[in-house]
């Protein structure tokens, strides 16, 4: 596949050649399942970020990797096989869709793309939505975890010291001035701040490759220079969105899935504040 991102026109042209998954999600507010019930792309099955793409919250973070058996069952339920061509989308910003993109690939589904702009872009193009729930035939998918690098805390610390570790939370959270979700404020020492607003346009789509290259370049990331790059956020969701943005400019970034919510679970791990 040429790109990890897909436009509305490209997805519409594919028709039934791909499996489409709806990954609408809200951290607060209307649950994704209800958003899906109200409107989704025709033929799209729903995948729940908390239930299907994450394990229970705990010492490994608020959105740790799901148990392989649970993920396998979810993919079988929505008809995704290892050789399926899959397109995922969410409401608009590809936040939860990117988590699906990354998680599916981690467990061995290679052909996964994200609808840039999500449901909002689809509707803006005047294309139909539905409330009908499809019943895809179940697949025989077998999960093969480890197909992408997933960092643990030691790996994240090493990435910060020896490469570039991007913290994609807001500057205020990075500096430790405020922390609305987790009990400790600050960031992993030596991380660089790369807030999501810098790689997303106002309409929820990703910025152009030229803009992305400039944004990440200011933070020491350049395609092809051999520097190891990793991403983290609060709980490993926005970190996958950043990895998708980096893939757009040819940078393969590792994801620290546990992210800040795992890092601070051990009071012995160092915390930095300020710029």
Protein backbone atom coordinates (compact mmCIF):
# COMPACT_ATOMS: atom_id res chain seq x y z
CA UNK A 1 0.00 0.00 0.00
CA UNK A 2 1.28 3.45 -0.88
CA UNK A 3 0.13 5.42 2.16
CA UNK A 4 -1.24 4.87 5.63
CA UNK A 5 -3.79 7.65 5.02
CA UNK A 6 -6.74 7.45 2.66
CA UNK A 7 -8.90 10.27 1.32
CA UNK A 8 -12.69 10.14 1.19
CA UNK A 9 -12.58 9.86 -2.61
CA UNK A 10 -10.11 6.98 -2.45
CA UNK A 11 -12.18 5.06 0.10
CA UNK A 12 -15.39 5.64 -1.87
CA UNK A 13 -13.72 4.27 -4.98
CA UNK A 14 -12.66 1.08 -3.17
CA UNK A 15 -16.24 0.03 -2.43
CA UNK A 16 -16.43 -3.44 -0.95
CA UNK A 17 -12.75 -4.20 -1.53
CA UNK A 18 -11.90 -3.24 2.06
CA UNK A 19 -13.19 -3.96 5.56
CA UNK A 20 -14.23 -0.68 7.17
CA UNK A 21 -14.12 -0.28 10.94
CA UNK A 22 -15.70 2.54 12.93
CA UNK A 23 -13.60 3.51 15.97
CA UNK A 24 -15.50 6.56 17.22
CA UNK A 25 -14.45 7.34 20.78
CA UNK A 26 -14.75 10.04 23.44
CA UNK A 27 -12.73 10.19 26.63
CA UNK A 28 -15.69 12.09 28.09
CA UNK A 29 -19.12 12.72 26.64
CA UNK A 30 -21.18 10.51 24.34
CA UNK A 31 -19.70 6.98 24.20
CA UNK A 32 -18.41 5.77 20.86
CA UNK A 33 -20.98 2.98 20.67
CA UNK A 34 -23.77 5.58 20.81
CA UNK A 35 -22.09 7.75 18.19
CA UNK A 36 -21.81 4.71 15.96
CA UNK A 37 -25.47 3.87 16.49
CA UNK A 38 -26.43 7.35 15.38
CA UNK A 39 -24.41 7.46 12.15
CA UNK A 40 -21.60 5.52 10.54
CA UNK A 41 -20.30 4.60 7.10
CA UNK A 42 -22.38 1.94 5.33
CA UNK A 43 -21.02 -1.51 6.05
CA UNK A 44 -18.73 -0.38 8.87
CA UNK A 45 -18.59 -2.50 12.02
CA UNK A 46 -17.86 -0.90 15.39
CA UNK A 47 -14.65 -1.49 17.34
CA UNK A 48 -14.50 -0.14 20.89
CA UNK A 49 -11.22 1.46 21.94
CA UNK A 50 -11.61 0.62 25.63
CA UNK A 51 -12.94 -2.91 25.16
CA UNK A 52 -11.25 -4.15 21.96
CA UNK A 53 -8.10 -2.06 21.50
CA UNK A 54 -7.03 -1.79 25.15
CA UNK A 55 -6.74 -3.90 28.23
CA UNK A 56 -8.11 -2.94 31.65
CA UNK A 57 -6.45 0.14 33.18
CA UNK A 58 -3.86 -0.54 35.87
CA UNK A 59 -0.13 -0.30 36.55
CA UNK A 60 0.55 -0.65 32.80
CA UNK A 61 -1.43 2.53 32.10
CA UNK A 62 -4.93 3.71 31.31
CA UNK A 63 -4.99 2.13 27.84
CA UNK A 64 -2.54 -0.78 27.88
CA UNK A 65 -2.37 -3.29 25.06
CA UNK A 66 -5.32 -5.68 24.98
CA UNK A 67 -4.89 -9.32 25.80
CA UNK A 68 -4.12 -11.13 22.52
CA UNK A 69 -7.06 -13.49 22.96
CA UNK A 70 -9.47 -10.61 23.52
CA UNK A 71 -8.16 -8.73 20.48
CA UNK A 72 -8.35 -11.90 18.40
CA UNK A 73 -11.98 -12.41 19.38
CA UNK A 74 -12.82 -8.79 18.50
CA UNK A 75 -11.28 -9.06 15.03
CA UNK A 76 -13.04 -12.36 14.39
CA UNK A 77 -16.34 -10.78 15.40
CA UNK A 78 -15.99 -7.91 12.88
CA UNK A 79 -14.74 -10.17 10.09
CA UNK A 80 -11.12 -9.03 9.92
CA UNK A 81 -8.61 -11.65 8.77
CA UNK A 82 -4.82 -11.39 8.70
CA UNK A 83 -4.89 -10.73 4.95
CA UNK A 84 -7.80 -8.26 5.02
CA UNK A 85 -7.39 -4.77 3.64
CA UNK A 86 -8.76 -2.62 6.46
CA UNK A 87 -9.74 1.04 6.70
CA UNK A 88 -10.40 2.59 10.10
CA UNK A 89 -11.95 5.93 10.95
CA UNK A 90 -13.30 7.97 13.85
CA UNK A 91 -15.25 11.20 14.19
CA UNK A 92 -12.67 13.57 12.72
CA UNK A 93 -9.09 13.72 14.01
CA UNK A 94 -7.98 10.08 13.57
CA UNK A 95 -7.14 9.93 17.26
CA UNK A 96 -8.81 6.62 18.09
CA UNK A 97 -8.53 5.48 14.46
CA UNK A 98 -4.75 5.78 14.72
CA UNK A 99 -4.81 3.63 17.86
CA UNK A 100 -6.70 1.03 15.82
CA UNK A 101 -4.24 1.41 12.91
CA UNK A 102 -1.31 0.80 15.23
CA UNK A 103 -2.90 -2.01 17.27
CA UNK A 104 -4.09 -3.98 14.24
CA UNK A 105 -0.61 -3.84 12.78
CA UNK A 106 0.98 -4.77 16.11
CA UNK A 107 -1.10 -7.96 16.15
CA UNK A 108 -0.29 -8.92 12.56
CA UNK A 109 -2.78 -7.22 10.22
CA UNK A 110 -0.49 -5.57 7.70
CA UNK A 111 -2.80 -3.66 5.35
CA UNK A 112 -4.42 -1.00 7.53
CA UNK A 113 -5.18 2.56 6.49
CA UNK A 114 -6.87 5.52 8.15
CA UNK A 115 -9.59 7.67 6.59
CA UNK A 116 -8.11 11.17 6.87
CA UNK A 117 -10.72 13.49 8.37
CA UNK A 118 -12.92 10.60 9.47
CA UNK A 119 -16.70 10.61 9.48
CA UNK A 120 -16.81 14.42 9.29
CA UNK A 121 -14.91 14.43 5.99
CA UNK A 122 -17.14 11.68 4.61
CA UNK A 123 -20.29 13.62 5.46
CA UNK A 124 -18.82 16.90 4.19
CA UNK A 125 -18.37 15.20 0.82
CA UNK A 126 -22.12 14.49 0.74
CA UNK A 127 -21.71 10.74 1.05
CA UNK A 128 -24.31 8.61 2.83
CA UNK A 129 -24.25 7.37 6.40
CA UNK A 130 -26.47 4.82 8.07
CA UNK A 131 -27.59 3.46 11.42
CA UNK A 132 -27.85 -0.10 10.08
CA UNK A 133 -25.54 -2.54 11.85
CA UNK A 134 -23.82 -5.04 9.52
CA UNK A 135 -23.39 -8.70 10.37
CA UNK A 136 -20.07 -9.65 8.78
CA UNK A 137 -19.15 -13.33 8.63
CA UNK A 138 -16.67 -14.14 11.40
CA UNK A 139 -13.06 -14.65 10.44
CA UNK A 140 -10.42 -17.11 11.63
CA UNK A 141 -7.93 -14.41 12.60
CA UNK A 142 -5.02 -15.43 14.82
CA UNK A 143 -3.30 -12.68 16.78
CA UNK A 144 0.48 -12.46 16.40
CA UNK A 145 1.58 -9.82 18.93
CA UNK A 146 4.88 -8.01 18.52
CA UNK A 147 4.77 -7.12 14.83
CA UNK A 148 5.56 -3.48 15.76
CA UNK A 149 7.90 -2.26 18.51
CA UNK A 150 6.05 -1.39 21.70
CA UNK A 151 8.24 0.28 24.29
CA UNK A 152 8.24 -0.44 28.01
CA UNK A 153 9.37 2.19 30.54
CA UNK A 154 13.03 1.23 30.18
CA UNK A 155 12.74 1.48 26.41
CA UNK A 156 11.10 4.89 26.68
CA UNK A 157 13.88 6.16 28.94
CA UNK A 158 16.48 4.83 26.52
CA UNK A 159 14.70 6.48 23.58
CA UNK A 160 14.77 9.80 25.43
CA UNK A 161 18.49 9.52 26.16
CA UNK A 162 19.73 8.04 22.88
CA UNK A 163 17.19 9.16 20.27
CA UNK A 164 14.13 11.41 20.19
CA UNK A 165 11.20 10.74 22.51
CA UNK A 166 8.23 12.92 21.58
CA UNK A 167 5.67 13.83 24.25
CA UNK A 168 2.55 14.81 22.28
CA UNK A 169 0.49 16.19 25.15
CA UNK A 170 -0.25 19.90 25.46
CA UNK A 171 2.64 22.20 26.41
CA UNK A 172 1.02 22.92 29.79
CA UNK A 173 0.88 19.24 30.68
CA UNK A 174 4.39 18.67 29.36
CA UNK A 175 5.78 21.48 31.52
CA UNK A 176 3.91 20.17 34.56
CA UNK A 177 1.82 23.31 35.01
CA UNK A 178 -1.42 21.34 34.96
CA UNK A 179 -2.49 17.71 34.87
CA UNK A 180 -6.23 17.14 34.36
CA UNK A 181 -6.12 13.35 34.13
CA UNK A 182 -3.15 11.74 35.89
CA UNK A 183 -2.08 12.21 39.54
CA UNK A 184 1.44 13.47 38.74
CA UNK A 185 2.36 16.34 36.43
CA UNK A 186 5.46 16.66 34.27
CA UNK A 187 7.21 14.62 31.60
CA UNK A 188 9.80 11.92 31.04
CA UNK A 189 13.28 13.47 31.33
CA UNK A 190 14.88 14.44 27.99
CA UNK A 191 11.62 14.11 26.07
CA UNK A 192 10.72 16.79 23.52
CA UNK A 193 7.26 18.31 23.36
CA UNK A 194 5.41 17.85 20.05
CA UNK A 195 1.75 18.73 20.79
CA UNK A 196 -0.86 17.26 18.49
CA UNK A 197 -2.02 20.71 17.38
CA UNK A 198 1.23 20.99 15.46
CA UNK A 199 0.57 18.08 13.12
CA UNK A 200 -3.21 18.39 12.67
CA UNK A 201 -4.98 20.98 10.51
CA UNK A 202 -8.10 22.82 11.68
CA UNK A 203 -10.39 20.42 9.79
CA UNK A 204 -9.00 17.39 11.63
CA UNK A 205 -6.90 16.14 8.74
CA UNK A 206 -3.17 15.70 8.97
CA UNK A 207 -1.03 18.56 7.73
CA UNK A 208 0.90 18.24 4.47
CA UNK A 209 4.14 16.22 4.42
CA UNK A 210 6.08 19.47 4.04
CA UNK A 211 4.45 20.98 7.12
CA UNK A 212 4.92 17.77 9.09
CA UNK A 213 8.58 17.55 8.13
CA UNK A 214 9.11 21.13 9.34
CA UNK A 215 7.22 20.59 12.60
CA UNK A 216 9.00 17.37 13.55
CA UNK A 217 12.31 18.62 12.18
CA UNK A 218 12.28 21.40 14.76
CA UNK A 219 12.21 18.63 17.35
CA UNK A 220 15.16 16.71 15.94
CA UNK A 221 13.26 14.26 13.75
CA UNK A 222 14.35 13.85 10.14
CA UNK A 223 13.52 10.94 7.88
CA UNK A 224 16.44 8.74 6.98
CA UNK A 225 19.02 10.11 9.43
CA UNK A 226 19.06 6.92 11.51
CA UNK A 227 17.85 8.51 14.75
CA UNK A 228 15.49 6.29 16.73
CA UNK A 229 12.15 8.05 17.28
CA UNK A 230 9.43 7.17 19.79
CA UNK A 231 6.17 8.73 20.91
CA UNK A 232 4.18 8.86 24.12
CA UNK A 233 1.20 10.76 25.53
CA UNK A 234 -1.07 10.32 28.54
CA UNK A 235 -2.26 6.78 27.89
CA UNK A 236 -0.94 5.63 24.49
CA UNK A 237 -3.75 6.84 22.21
CA UNK A 238 -2.46 10.20 20.98
CA UNK A 239 0.98 8.56 20.79
CA UNK A 240 -0.34 6.32 17.99
CA UNK A 241 -1.81 9.37 16.24
CA UNK A 242 1.66 10.98 16.31
CA UNK A 243 3.20 7.78 14.95
CA UNK A 244 0.75 7.97 12.05
CA UNK A 245 1.73 11.58 11.39
CA UNK A 246 5.39 10.54 11.40
CA UNK A 247 4.70 7.67 9.01
CA UNK A 248 3.38 10.30 6.58
CA UNK A 249 6.93 11.66 6.28
CA UNK A 250 8.63 8.27 6.18
CA UNK A 251 9.60 7.99 9.86
CA UNK A 252 8.89 4.69 11.64
CA UNK A 253 8.31 5.64 15.26
CA UNK A 254 8.03 3.27 18.18
CA UNK A 255 5.10 3.80 20.54
CA UNK A 256 5.32 3.77 24.32
CA UNK A 257 1.84 2.36 24.85
CA UNK A 258 1.79 2.72 28.64
CA UNK A 259 2.84 6.36 28.27
CA UNK A 260 2.69 8.84 31.15
CA UNK A 261 -0.01 6.92 33.02
CA UNK A 262 2.32 3.91 33.27
CA UNK A 263 5.49 5.94 33.83
CA UNK A 264 4.16 7.58 37.00
CA UNK A 265 2.80 4.31 38.42
CA UNK A 266 6.31 3.69 39.78
CA UNK A 267 7.29 6.56 42.10
CA UNK A 268 10.92 5.65 41.54
CA UNK A 269 10.86 6.85 37.94
CA UNK A 270 12.15 10.39 37.47
CA UNK A 271 9.83 13.25 36.52
CA UNK A 272 10.91 16.45 34.78
CA UNK A 273 9.06 19.75 34.65
CA UNK A 274 9.46 22.97 32.68
CA UNK A 275 10.57 23.24 29.06
